[in-house]
């Protein structure tokens, strides 16, 4: 399961993610769609622990990616 709660990510000039909440159940198929600059890639980078969010929590199978990024 992927759980995202209150995710905020800021670039130096703009806020890319503002309080994102997301729950994806195991085995489900989910599409992430939106216009250019909406934060899709930033969200995926946070899910993959390639970026550290300013605030909020990302958990994959119960593992907090900020505390254990190598588990992702």
Protein backbone atom coordinates (compact mmCIF):
# COMPACT_ATOMS: atom_id res chain seq x y z
CA UNK A 1 0.00 0.00 0.00
CA UNK A 2 1.14 3.51 -0.75
CA UNK A 3 0.08 6.20 1.72
CA UNK A 4 0.79 9.89 1.35
CA UNK A 5 -0.39 12.34 3.99
CA UNK A 6 -0.09 16.11 3.90
CA UNK A 7 2.79 16.08 1.41
CA UNK A 8 4.33 19.49 0.71
CA UNK A 9 7.27 20.04 -1.62
CA UNK A 10 8.71 23.44 -2.47
CA UNK A 11 11.16 24.50 -5.13
CA UNK A 12 13.04 27.77 -4.55
CA UNK A 13 10.52 29.70 -6.65
CA UNK A 14 7.27 27.76 -6.22
CA UNK A 15 5.36 25.19 -4.20
CA UNK A 16 4.95 22.06 -6.34
CA UNK A 17 2.90 19.95 -3.91
CA UNK A 18 0.54 21.45 -1.37
CA UNK A 19 -0.94 19.04 1.16
CA UNK A 20 -1.26 15.97 -1.08
CA UNK A 21 -3.12 12.99 0.41
CA UNK A 22 -3.14 9.69 -1.46
CA UNK A 23 -3.91 6.08 -0.60
CA UNK A 24 -3.30 3.34 -3.17
CA UNK A 25 -4.31 -0.20 -2.25
CA UNK A 26 -2.13 -3.17 -3.20
CA UNK A 27 -2.99 -4.59 -6.61
CA UNK A 28 -4.84 -1.51 -7.79
CA UNK A 29 -4.02 0.42 -10.94
CA UNK A 30 -3.80 4.20 -10.60
CA UNK A 31 -3.19 6.89 -13.21
CA UNK A 32 -1.55 10.18 -12.29
CA UNK A 33 -2.71 12.80 -14.77
CA UNK A 34 -2.63 16.58 -14.94
CA UNK A 35 -1.31 19.53 -16.91
CA UNK A 36 2.36 20.42 -17.27
CA UNK A 37 3.73 21.82 -14.04
CA UNK A 38 1.05 20.22 -11.85
CA UNK A 39 3.58 18.28 -9.75
CA UNK A 40 3.20 14.75 -11.18
CA UNK A 41 6.92 14.10 -11.53
CA UNK A 42 7.68 15.72 -8.18
CA UNK A 43 5.14 13.43 -6.50
CA UNK A 44 6.66 10.35 -8.15
CA UNK A 45 10.15 11.46 -7.11
CA UNK A 46 8.93 11.82 -3.52
CA UNK A 47 7.31 8.36 -3.68
CA UNK A 48 10.61 6.90 -4.90
CA UNK A 49 12.51 8.69 -2.10
CA UNK A 50 14.53 10.65 -4.67
CA UNK A 51 13.29 13.93 -3.19
CA UNK A 52 12.66 14.74 0.45
CA UNK A 53 9.40 16.63 1.01
CA UNK A 54 9.25 19.83 3.06
CA UNK A 55 6.42 18.33 5.13
CA UNK A 56 4.17 15.30 5.20
CA UNK A 57 4.66 11.55 5.22
CA UNK A 58 5.17 8.97 2.48
CA UNK A 59 4.77 5.33 3.49
CA UNK A 60 5.20 2.34 1.22
CA UNK A 61 4.08 -0.95 2.76
CA UNK A 62 4.18 0.79 6.13
CA UNK A 63 7.77 2.03 5.74
CA UNK A 64 8.32 5.77 6.17
CA UNK A 65 10.50 6.71 3.18
CA UNK A 66 12.04 9.70 4.99
CA UNK A 67 13.33 7.46 7.77
CA UNK A 68 14.34 4.53 5.55
CA UNK A 69 14.75 5.64 1.90
CA UNK A 70 16.75 2.55 0.93
CA UNK A 71 13.76 0.34 1.70
CA UNK A 72 11.96 1.80 -1.30
